[in-house]
PDB file of all heavy atoms in Angstrom:
ATOM      1  N   ALA A   1       0.791  -1.237  -0.025  1.00  0.00           N
ATOM      2  CA  ALA A   1       0.076  -0.028  -0.040  1.00  0.00           C
ATOM      3  C   ALA A   1       0.886   1.304  -0.018  1.00  0.00           C
ATOM      4  O   ALA A   1       0.480   2.261  -0.656  1.00  0.00           O
ATOM      5  CB  ALA A   1      -0.940  -0.024   1.259  1.00  0.00           C
ATOM      6  N   GLN A   2       2.015   1.271   0.686  1.00  0.00           N
ATOM      7  CA  GLN A   2       2.826   2.541   0.823  1.00  0.00           C
ATOM      8  C   GLN A   2       4.090   2.535  -0.094  1.00  0.00           C
ATOM      9  O   GLN A   2       4.985   3.243   0.003  1.00  0.00           O
ATOM     10  CB  GLN A   2       3.233   2.620   2.254  1.00  0.00           C
ATOM     11  CG  GLN A   2       2.194   2.917   3.284  1.00  0.00           C
ATOM     12  CD  GLN A   2       1.540   4.239   3.061  1.00  0.00           C
ATOM     13  OE1 GLN A   2       2.075   5.098   2.346  1.00  0.00           O
ATOM     14  NE2 GLN A   2       0.295   4.328   3.746  1.00  0.00           N
ATOM     15  N   ALA A   3       4.074   1.570  -1.041  1.00  0.00           N
ATOM     16  CA  ALA A   3       5.333   1.330  -1.881  1.00  0.00           C
ATOM     17  C   ALA A   3       5.579   2.468  -2.748  1.00  0.00           C
ATOM     18  O   ALA A   3       6.749   2.855  -2.797  1.00  0.00           O
ATOM     19  CB  ALA A   3       5.027   0.116  -2.836  1.00  0.00           C
ATOM     20  N   ALA A   4       4.607   3.154  -3.294  1.00  0.00           N
ATOM     21  CA  ALA A   4       4.827   4.302  -4.159  1.00  0.00           C
ATOM     22  C   ALA A   4       5.284   5.500  -3.316  1.00  0.00           C
ATOM     23  O   ALA A   4       6.354   6.199  -3.697  1.00  0.00           O
ATOM     24  CB  ALA A   4       3.698   4.753  -4.842  1.00  0.00           C
ATOM     25  N   TYR A   5       4.772   5.669  -2.124  1.00  0.00           N
ATOM     26  CA  TYR A   5       5.290   6.825  -1.276  1.00  0.00           C
ATOM     27  C   TYR A   5       6.732   6.529  -0.821  1.00  0.00           C
ATOM     28  O   TYR A   5       7.475   7.565  -0.787  1.00  0.00           O
ATOM     29  CB  TYR A   5       4.453   6.883  -0.097  1.00  0.00           C
ATOM     30  CG  TYR A   5       4.905   7.715   0.968  1.00  0.00           C
ATOM     31  CD1 TYR A   5       4.938   9.119   0.786  1.00  0.00           C
ATOM     32  CD2 TYR A   5       5.363   7.236   2.223  1.00  0.00           C
ATOM     33  CE1 TYR A   5       5.431   9.886   1.933  1.00  0.00           C
ATOM     34  CE2 TYR A   5       5.894   8.052   3.228  1.00  0.00           C
ATOM     35  CZ  TYR A   5       5.907   9.329   2.986  1.00  0.00           C
ATOM     36  OH  TYR A   5       6.418  10.216   4.032  1.00  0.00           O
ATOM     37  N   LEU A   6       6.974   5.325  -0.458  1.00  0.00           N
ATOM     38  CA  LEU A   6       8.399   5.045   0.168  1.00  0.00           C
ATOM     39  C   LEU A   6       9.438   5.168  -0.907  1.00  0.00           C
ATOM     40  O   LEU A   6      10.521   5.637  -0.661  1.00  0.00           O
ATOM     41  CB  LEU A   6       8.376   3.622   0.656  1.00  0.00           C
ATOM     42  CG  LEU A   6       7.577   3.431   2.019  1.00  0.00           C
ATOM     43  CD1 LEU A   6       7.521   1.895   2.216  1.00  0.00           C
ATOM     44  CD2 LEU A   6       8.347   4.118   3.217  1.00  0.00           C
ATOM     45  N   THR A   7       9.135   4.783  -2.143  1.00  0.00           N
ATOM     46  CA  THR A   7      10.219   4.823  -3.216  1.00  0.00           C
ATOM     47  C   THR A   7      10.239   5.972  -4.040  1.00  0.00           C
ATOM     48  O   THR A   7      11.124   6.247  -4.889  1.00  0.00           O
ATOM     49  CB  THR A   7       9.936   3.538  -4.100  1.00  0.00           C
ATOM     50  OG1 THR A   7       8.719   3.572  -4.766  1.00  0.00           O
ATOM     51  CG2 THR A   7      10.128   2.295  -3.306  1.00  0.00           C
ATOM     52  N   SER A   8       9.326   7.008  -3.919  1.00  0.00           N
ATOM     53  CA  SER A   8       9.279   8.101  -4.862  1.00  0.00           C
ATOM     54  C   SER A   8      10.169   9.179  -4.372  1.00  0.00           C
ATOM     55  O   SER A   8      10.476   9.304  -3.170  1.00  0.00           O
ATOM     56  CB  SER A   8       7.878   8.660  -4.845  1.00  0.00           C
ATOM     57  OG  SER A   8       7.384   9.187  -3.666  1.00  0.00           O
ATOM     58  N   ASP A   9      10.768   9.974  -5.280  1.00  0.00           N
ATOM     59  CA  ASP A   9      11.470  11.143  -5.046  1.00  0.00           C
ATOM     60  C   ASP A   9      12.728  10.842  -4.167  1.00  0.00           C
ATOM     61  O   ASP A   9      13.055  11.691  -3.233  1.00  0.00           O
ATOM     62  CB  ASP A   9      10.677  12.271  -4.401  1.00  0.00           C
ATOM     63  CG  ASP A   9       9.478  12.597  -5.395  1.00  0.00           C
ATOM     64  OD1 ASP A   9       9.693  12.624  -6.543  1.00  0.00           O
ATOM     65  OD2 ASP A   9       8.384  12.719  -4.936  1.00  0.00           O
ATOM     66  N   HIS A  10      13.440   9.651  -4.378  1.00  0.00           N
ATOM     67  CA  HIS A  10      14.605   9.328  -3.629  1.00  0.00           C
ATOM     68  C   HIS A  10      15.780  10.296  -4.061  1.00  0.00           C
ATOM     69  O   HIS A  10      16.262  10.260  -5.142  1.00  0.00           O
ATOM     70  CB  HIS A  10      15.033   7.932  -3.753  1.00  0.00           C
ATOM     71  CG  HIS A  10      15.883   7.441  -2.750  1.00  0.00           C
ATOM     72  ND1 HIS A  10      16.114   6.076  -2.636  1.00  0.00           N
ATOM     73  CD2 HIS A  10      16.727   8.025  -1.946  1.00  0.00           C
ATOM     74  CE1 HIS A  10      17.116   5.889  -1.709  1.00  0.00           C
ATOM     75  NE2 HIS A  10      17.438   7.032  -1.289  1.00  0.00           N
ATOM     76  N   PRO A  11      16.359  11.197  -3.143  1.00  0.00           N
ATOM     77  CA  PRO A  11      17.410  12.012  -3.597  1.00  0.00           C
ATOM     78  C   PRO A  11      18.729  11.426  -3.951  1.00  0.00           C
ATOM     79  O   PRO A  11      19.009  10.220  -3.430  1.00  0.00           O
ATOM     80  CB  PRO A  11      17.680  12.916  -2.206  1.00  0.00           C
ATOM     81  CG  PRO A  11      16.425  12.728  -1.475  1.00  0.00           C
ATOM     82  CD  PRO A  11      15.885  11.387  -1.711  1.00  0.00           C
ATOM     83  N   LEU A  12      19.284  11.864  -4.923  1.00  0.00           N
ATOM     84  CA  LEU A  12      20.587  11.211  -5.417  1.00  0.00           C
ATOM     85  C   LEU A  12      21.676  11.502  -4.341  1.00  0.00           C
ATOM     86  O   LEU A  12      22.577  10.639  -4.070  1.00  0.00           O
ATOM     87  CB  LEU A  12      21.040  11.763  -6.662  1.00  0.00           C
ATOM     88  CG  LEU A  12      20.460  11.011  -7.938  1.00  0.00           C
ATOM     89  CD1 LEU A  12      20.829  11.798  -9.261  1.00  0.00           C
ATOM     90  CD2 LEU A  12      20.574   9.635  -8.058  1.00  0.00           C
ATOM     91  N   ASN A  13      21.811  12.661  -3.769  1.00  0.00           N
ATOM     92  CA  ASN A  13      22.770  13.125  -2.837  1.00  0.00           C
ATOM     93  C   ASN A  13      22.154  12.823  -1.384  1.00  0.00           C
ATOM     94  O   ASN A  13      20.972  13.017  -1.097  1.00  0.00           O
ATOM     95  CB  ASN A  13      23.047  14.601  -2.813  1.00  0.00           C
ATOM     96  CG  ASN A  13      23.740  14.938  -4.096  1.00  0.00           C
ATOM     97  OD1 ASN A  13      24.627  14.181  -4.573  1.00  0.00           O
ATOM     98  ND2 ASN A  13      23.509  16.092  -4.765  1.00  0.00           N
ATOM     99  N   TYR A  14      23.028  12.164  -0.657  1.00  0.00           N
ATOM    100  CA  TYR A  14      22.697  11.823   0.766  1.00  0.00           C
ATOM    101  C   TYR A  14      21.330  10.881   0.737  1.00  0.00           C
ATOM    102  O   TYR A  14      20.344  11.245   1.363  1.00  0.00           O
ATOM    103  CB  TYR A  14      22.437  12.963   1.614  1.00  0.00           C
ATOM    104  CG  TYR A  14      23.882  13.688   1.825  1.00  0.00           C
ATOM    105  CD1 TYR A  14      24.074  14.755   0.898  1.00  0.00           C
ATOM    106  CD2 TYR A  14      24.823  13.320   2.654  1.00  0.00           C
ATOM    107  CE1 TYR A  14      25.440  15.457   1.024  1.00  0.00           C
ATOM    108  CE2 TYR A  14      26.002  13.943   2.727  1.00  0.00           C
ATOM    109  CZ  TYR A  14      26.340  15.050   1.738  1.00  0.00           C
ATOM    110  OH  TYR A  14      27.575  15.695   1.846  1.00  0.00           O
ATOM    111  N   GLY A  15      21.460   9.783  -0.001  1.00  0.00           N
ATOM    112  CA  GLY A  15      20.315   8.999  -0.187  1.00  0.00           C
ATOM    113  C   GLY A  15      19.813   8.159   1.045  1.00  0.00           C
ATOM    114  O   GLY A  15      18.818   7.472   0.812  1.00  0.00           O
ATOM    115  N   TYR A  16      20.549   8.196   2.197  1.00  0.00           N
ATOM    116  CA  TYR A  16      20.083   7.573   3.372  1.00  0.00           C
ATOM    117  C   TYR A  16      19.484   8.662   4.285  1.00  0.00           C
ATOM    118  O   TYR A  16      19.214   8.323   5.461  1.00  0.00           O
ATOM    119  CB  TYR A  16      21.128   6.793   4.111  1.00  0.00           C
ATOM    120  CG  TYR A  16      21.788   5.738   3.224  1.00  0.00           C
ATOM    121  CD1 TYR A  16      22.902   5.851   2.466  1.00  0.00           C
ATOM    122  CD2 TYR A  16      21.143   4.366   3.204  1.00  0.00           C
ATOM    123  CE1 TYR A  16      23.359   4.886   1.645  1.00  0.00           C
ATOM    124  CE2 TYR A  16      21.676   3.387   2.403  1.00  0.00           C
ATOM    125  CZ  TYR A  16      22.736   3.685   1.594  1.00  0.00           C
ATOM    126  OH  TYR A  16      23.208   2.683   0.816  1.00  0.00           O
ATOM    127  N   GLY A  17      19.379   9.836   3.833  1.00  0.00           N
ATOM    128  CA  GLY A  17      19.090  10.968   4.822  1.00  0.00           C
ATOM    129  C   GLY A  17      17.678  11.540   4.527  1.00  0.00           C
ATOM    130  O   GLY A  17      16.712  10.759   4.293  1.00  0.00           O
ATOM    131  N   ALA A  18      17.541  12.854   4.518  1.00  0.00           N
ATOM    132  CA  ALA A  18      16.290  13.632   4.354  1.00  0.00           C
ATOM    133  C   ALA A  18      15.638  13.196   3.053  1.00  0.00           C
ATOM    134  O   ALA A  18      16.258  13.132   1.919  1.00  0.00           O
ATOM    135  CB  ALA A  18      16.490  15.089   4.378  1.00  0.00           C
ATOM    136  N   GLY A  19      14.273  12.890   3.051  1.00  0.00           N
ATOM    137  CA  GLY A  19      13.627  12.534   1.878  1.00  0.00           C
ATOM    138  C   GLY A  19      13.783  11.048   1.418  1.00  0.00           C
ATOM    139  O   GLY A  19      13.202  10.690   0.439  1.00  0.00           O
ATOM    140  N   SER A  20      14.637  10.368   2.162  1.00  0.00           N
ATOM    141  CA  SER A  20      14.921   8.970   1.658  1.00  0.00           C
ATOM    142  C   SER A  20      13.779   7.961   2.105  1.00  0.00           C
ATOM    143  O   SER A  20      12.959   8.343   2.975  1.00  0.00           O
ATOM    144  CB  SER A  20      16.228   8.445   2.256  1.00  0.00           C
ATOM    145  OG  SER A  20      16.022   8.223   3.780  1.00  0.00           O
ATOM    146  N   PRO A  21      13.662   6.799   1.596  1.00  0.00           N
ATOM    147  CA  PRO A  21      12.686   5.874   2.041  1.00  0.00           C
ATOM    148  C   PRO A  21      12.876   5.521   3.486  1.00  0.00           C
ATOM    149  O   PRO A  21      11.915   5.158   4.094  1.00  0.00           O
ATOM    150  CB  PRO A  21      13.117   4.571   1.164  1.00  0.00           C
ATOM    151  CG  PRO A  21      13.626   5.189  -0.165  1.00  0.00           C
ATOM    152  CD  PRO A  21      14.362   6.279   0.277  1.00  0.00           C
ATOM    153  N   LEU A  22      14.089   5.606   3.996  1.00  0.00           N
ATOM    154  CA  LEU A  22      14.306   5.337   5.444  1.00  0.00           C
ATOM    155  C   LEU A  22      13.682   6.444   6.263  1.00  0.00           C
ATOM    156  O   LEU A  22      12.985   5.998   7.276  1.00  0.00           O
ATOM    157  CB  LEU A  22      15.845   5.341   5.763  1.00  0.00           C
ATOM    158  CG  LEU A  22      16.812   4.311   5.014  1.00  0.00           C
ATOM    159  CD1 LEU A  22      18.217   4.438   5.246  1.00  0.00           C
ATOM    160  CD2 LEU A  22      16.235   2.924   5.302  1.00  0.00           C
ATOM    161  N   GLU A  23      13.675   7.691   5.884  1.00  0.00           N
ATOM    162  CA  GLU A  23      13.086   8.703   6.691  1.00  0.00           C
ATOM    163  C   GLU A  23      11.559   8.468   6.664  1.00  0.00           C
ATOM    164  O   GLU A  23      10.826   8.628   7.666  1.00  0.00           O
ATOM    165  CB  GLU A  23      13.503  10.072   6.201  1.00  0.00           C
ATOM    166  CG  GLU A  23      12.761  11.167   6.934  1.00  0.00           C
ATOM    167  CD  GLU A  23      13.145  12.607   6.311  1.00  0.00           C
ATOM    168  OE1 GLU A  23      12.698  12.905   5.281  1.00  0.00           O
ATOM    169  OE2 GLU A  23      13.740  13.379   7.108  1.00  0.00           O
ATOM    170  N   LYS A  24      11.031   8.157   5.491  1.00  0.00           N
ATOM    171  CA  LYS A  24       9.644   7.887   5.297  1.00  0.00           C
ATOM    172  C   LYS A  24       9.170   6.703   6.127  1.00  0.00           C
ATOM    173  O   LYS A  24       8.098   6.709   6.626  1.00  0.00           O
ATOM    174  CB  LYS A  24       9.360   7.633   3.794  1.00  0.00           C
ATOM    175  CG  LYS A  24       9.527   8.922   2.907  1.00  0.00           C
ATOM    176  CD  LYS A  24       9.356   8.565   1.482  1.00  0.00           C
ATOM    177  CE  LYS A  24       9.633   9.867   0.553  1.00  0.00           C
ATOM    178  NZ  LYS A  24       9.413   9.550  -0.789  1.00  0.00           N
ATOM    179  N   LEU A  25       9.957   5.628   6.217  1.00  0.00           N
ATOM    180  CA  LEU A  25       9.594   4.490   7.038  1.00  0.00           C
ATOM    181  C   LEU A  25       9.375   4.956   8.324  1.00  0.00           C
ATOM    182  O   LEU A  25       8.466   4.470   9.136  1.00  0.00           O
ATOM    183  CB  LEU A  25      10.754   3.465   6.957  1.00  0.00           C
ATOM    184  CG  LEU A  25      10.471   2.112   7.745  1.00  0.00           C
ATOM    185  CD1 LEU A  25       9.421   1.246   7.057  1.00  0.00           C
ATOM    186  CD2 LEU A  25      11.648   1.399   7.949  1.00  0.00           C
ATOM    187  N   VAL A  26      10.345   5.816   9.022  1.00  0.00           N
ATOM    188  CA  VAL A  26      10.183   6.350  10.347  1.00  0.00           C
ATOM    189  C   VAL A  26       8.850   7.181  10.499  1.00  0.00           C
ATOM    190  O   VAL A  26       8.079   7.049  11.444  1.00  0.00           O
ATOM    191  CB  VAL A  26      11.389   7.140  10.700  1.00  0.00           C
ATOM    192  CG1 VAL A  26      11.183   7.910  11.996  1.00  0.00           C
ATOM    193  CG2 VAL A  26      12.671   6.191  10.809  1.00  0.00           C
ATOM    194  N   SER A  27       8.559   7.988   9.446  1.00  0.00           N
ATOM    195  CA  SER A  27       7.396   8.857   9.547  1.00  0.00           C
ATOM    196  C   SER A  27       6.179   7.995   9.513  1.00  0.00           C
ATOM    197  O   SER A  27       5.108   8.500  10.081  1.00  0.00           O
ATOM    198  CB  SER A  27       7.425   9.801   8.388  1.00  0.00           C
ATOM    199  OG  SER A  27       7.172   9.142   7.147  1.00  0.00           O
ATOM    200  N   LEU A  28       6.194   6.780   8.839  1.00  0.00           N
ATOM    201  CA  LEU A  28       4.931   5.945   8.892  1.00  0.00           C
ATOM    202  C   LEU A  28       4.776   5.008  10.078  1.00  0.00           C
ATOM    203  O   LEU A  28       3.752   4.354  10.152  1.00  0.00           O
ATOM    204  CB  LEU A  28       5.122   5.003   7.585  1.00  0.00           C
ATOM    205  CG  LEU A  28       4.955   5.683   6.262  1.00  0.00           C
ATOM    206  CD1 LEU A  28       5.229   4.627   5.232  1.00  0.00           C
ATOM    207  CD2 LEU A  28       3.470   6.130   6.014  1.00  0.00           C
ATOM    208  N   GLY A  29       5.794   5.220  10.939  1.00  0.00           N
ATOM    209  CA  GLY A  29       5.701   4.337  12.179  1.00  0.00           C
ATOM    210  C   GLY A  29       5.994   2.923  11.814  1.00  0.00           C
ATOM    211  O   GLY A  29       5.367   1.941  12.411  1.00  0.00           O
ATOM    212  N   GLY A  30       6.846   2.714  10.883  1.00  0.00           N
ATOM    213  CA  GLY A  30       7.244   1.400  10.305  1.00  0.00           C
ATOM    214  C   GLY A  30       8.102   0.404  11.297  1.00  0.00           C
ATOM    215  O   GLY A  30       8.404   0.975  12.346  1.00  0.00           O
ATOM    216  N   LYS A  31       8.344  -0.633  10.882  1.00  0.00           N
ATOM    217  CA  LYS A  31       9.084  -1.661  11.636  1.00  0.00           C
ATOM    218  C   LYS A  31      10.391  -2.155  10.815  1.00  0.00           C
ATOM    219  O   LYS A  31      10.380  -1.976   9.542  1.00  0.00           O
ATOM    220  CB  LYS A  31       8.207  -2.861  11.930  1.00  0.00           C
ATOM    221  CG  LYS A  31       6.922  -2.556  12.558  1.00  0.00           C
ATOM    222  CD  LYS A  31       7.008  -1.988  13.992  1.00  0.00           C
ATOM    223  CE  LYS A  31       5.736  -1.791  14.699  1.00  0.00           C
ATOM    224  NZ  LYS A  31       5.967  -1.317  16.052  1.00  0.00           N
ATOM    225  N   VAL A  32      11.266  -2.669  11.553  1.00  0.00           N
ATOM    226  CA  VAL A  32      12.493  -3.334  10.881  1.00  0.00           C
ATOM    227  C   VAL A  32      12.373  -4.795  11.366  1.00  0.00           C
ATOM    228  O   VAL A  32      12.266  -5.149  12.505  1.00  0.00           O
ATOM    229  CB  VAL A  32      13.705  -2.669  11.432  1.00  0.00           C
ATOM    230  CG1 VAL A  32      14.943  -3.467  10.858  1.00  0.00           C
ATOM    231  CG2 VAL A  32      13.842  -1.218  10.973  1.00  0.00           C
ATOM    232  N   LEU A  33      12.473  -5.647  10.465  1.00  0.00           N
ATOM    233  CA  LEU A  33      12.308  -7.128  10.588  1.00  0.00           C
ATOM    234  C   LEU A  33      13.617  -7.725  10.257  1.00  0.00           C
ATOM    235  O   LEU A  33      14.006  -7.727   9.114  1.00  0.00           O
ATOM    236  CB  LEU A  33      11.081  -7.680   9.919  1.00  0.00           C
ATOM    237  CG  LEU A  33      11.052  -9.221  10.012  1.00  0.00           C
ATOM    238  CD1 LEU A  33      10.470  -9.576  11.420  1.00  0.00           C
ATOM    239  CD2 LEU A  33      10.030  -9.873   9.012  1.00  0.00           C
ATOM    240  N   LEU A  34      14.308  -8.284  11.179  1.00  0.00           N
ATOM    241  CA  LEU A  34      15.562  -9.149  10.920  1.00  0.00           C
ATOM    242  C   LEU A  34      15.308 -10.600  10.888  1.00  0.00           C
ATOM    243  O   LEU A  34      15.168 -11.108  12.009  1.00  0.00           O
ATOM    244  CB  LEU A  34      16.601  -8.705  11.978  1.00  0.00           C
ATOM    245  CG  LEU A  34      17.169  -7.363  12.063  1.00  0.00           C
ATOM    246  CD1 LEU A  34      17.875  -7.094  13.378  1.00  0.00           C
ATOM    247  CD2 LEU A  34      17.906  -7.124  10.831  1.00  0.00           C
ATOM    248  N   LEU A  35      14.982 -11.025   9.756  1.00  0.00           N
ATOM    249  CA  LEU A  35      14.588 -12.503   9.540  1.00  0.00           C
ATOM    250  C   LEU A  35      15.865 -13.313   9.413  1.00  0.00           C
ATOM    251  O   LEU A  35      16.185 -13.739   8.273  1.00  0.00           O
ATOM    252  CB  LEU A  35      13.665 -12.560   8.323  1.00  0.00           C
ATOM    253  CG  LEU A  35      12.945 -13.915   8.025  1.00  0.00           C
ATOM    254  CD1 LEU A  35      12.132 -14.404   9.195  1.00  0.00           C
ATOM    255  CD2 LEU A  35      12.113 -13.804   6.797  1.00  0.00           C
ATOM    256  N   GLY A  36      16.433 -13.647  10.503  1.00  0.00           N
ATOM    257  CA  GLY A  36      17.679 -14.388  10.498  1.00  0.00           C
ATOM    258  C   GLY A  36      18.892 -13.633  10.010  1.00  0.00           C
ATOM    259  O   GLY A  36      20.022 -14.178   9.920  1.00  0.00           O
ATOM    260  N   ALA A  37      18.806 -12.297   9.704  1.00  0.00           N
ATOM    261  CA  ALA A  37      19.938 -11.459   9.304  1.00  0.00           C
ATOM    262  C   ALA A  37      20.791 -10.934  10.499  1.00  0.00           C
ATOM    263  O   ALA A  37      20.193 -10.711  11.611  1.00  0.00           O
ATOM    264  CB  ALA A  37      19.476 -10.263   8.530  1.00  0.00           C
ATOM    265  N   PRO A  38      21.928 -10.722  10.366  1.00  0.00           N
ATOM    266  CA  PRO A  38      22.777 -10.127  11.416  1.00  0.00           C
ATOM    267  C   PRO A  38      22.386  -8.905  11.912  1.00  0.00           C
ATOM    268  O   PRO A  38      21.899  -8.080  11.155  1.00  0.00           O
ATOM    269  CB  PRO A  38      24.239 -10.246  10.937  1.00  0.00           C
ATOM    270  CG  PRO A  38      24.135 -11.135   9.726  1.00  0.00           C
ATOM    271  CD  PRO A  38      22.867 -10.930   9.209  1.00  0.00           C
ATOM    272  N   LEU A  39      22.701  -8.554  13.056  1.00  0.00           N
ATOM    273  CA  LEU A  39      22.285  -7.221  13.595  1.00  0.00           C
ATOM    274  C   LEU A  39      23.071  -6.089  12.979  1.00  0.00           C
ATOM    275  O   LEU A  39      22.618  -4.837  12.969  1.00  0.00           O
ATOM    276  CB  LEU A  39      22.668  -7.103  15.187  1.00  0.00           C
ATOM    277  CG  LEU A  39      21.682  -7.987  16.104  1.00  0.00           C
ATOM    278  CD1 LEU A  39      22.236  -8.029  17.555  1.00  0.00           C
ATOM    279  CD2 LEU A  39      20.312  -7.617  15.954  1.00  0.00           C
ATOM    280  N   ASP A  40      24.170  -6.352  12.319  1.00  0.00           N
ATOM    281  CA  ASP A  40      24.934  -5.259  11.658  1.00  0.00           C
ATOM    282  C   ASP A  40      24.349  -4.953  10.305  1.00  0.00           C
ATOM    283  O   ASP A  40      25.067  -4.054   9.531  1.00  0.00           O
ATOM    284  CB  ASP A  40      26.405  -5.582  11.529  1.00  0.00           C
ATOM    285  CG  ASP A  40      26.742  -6.796  10.753  1.00  0.00           C
ATOM    286  OD1 ASP A  40      25.864  -7.409  10.166  1.00  0.00           O
ATOM    287  OD2 ASP A  40      27.919  -7.242  10.520  1.00  0.00           O
ATOM    288  N   THR A  41      23.195  -5.502   9.888  1.00  0.00           N
ATOM    289  CA  THR A  41      22.650  -5.296   8.630  1.00  0.00           C
ATOM    290  C   THR A  41      21.629  -4.176   8.624  1.00  0.00           C
ATOM    291  O   THR A  41      20.893  -4.090   7.582  1.00  0.00           O
ATOM    292  CB  THR A  41      22.169  -6.554   7.839  1.00  0.00           C
ATOM    293  OG1 THR A  41      21.191  -7.161   8.731  1.00  0.00           O
ATOM    294  CG2 THR A  41      23.286  -7.603   7.749  1.00  0.00           C
ATOM    295  N   ILE A  42      21.319  -3.637   9.652  1.00  0.00           N
ATOM    296  CA  ILE A  42      20.190  -2.750   9.864  1.00  0.00           C
ATOM    297  C   ILE A  42      20.448  -1.446   9.056  1.00  0.00           C
ATOM    298  O   ILE A  42      21.113  -0.436   9.572  1.00  0.00           O
ATOM    299  CB  ILE A  42      19.883  -2.429  11.354  1.00  0.00           C
ATOM    300  CG1 ILE A  42      19.542  -3.780  12.031  1.00  0.00           C
ATOM    301  CG2 ILE A  42      18.573  -1.456  11.402  1.00  0.00           C
ATOM    302  CD1 ILE A  42      19.480  -3.478  13.588  1.00  0.00           C
TER     303      ILE A  42
END
C-alpha cells in the first residue's frame, strides 16, 4: 500500500538521509524485521 510513497523522489545526494525511504519508514511508524539477518545489517 505504501510502496509508491516510500520509493518516490529518492534524492541522489545523501540517499540515506532527508527525503529517503528510510526517513519515510520512520514517519509511517514502520518496523524493521531481521529475519535471520545479522544485527549489523540494519
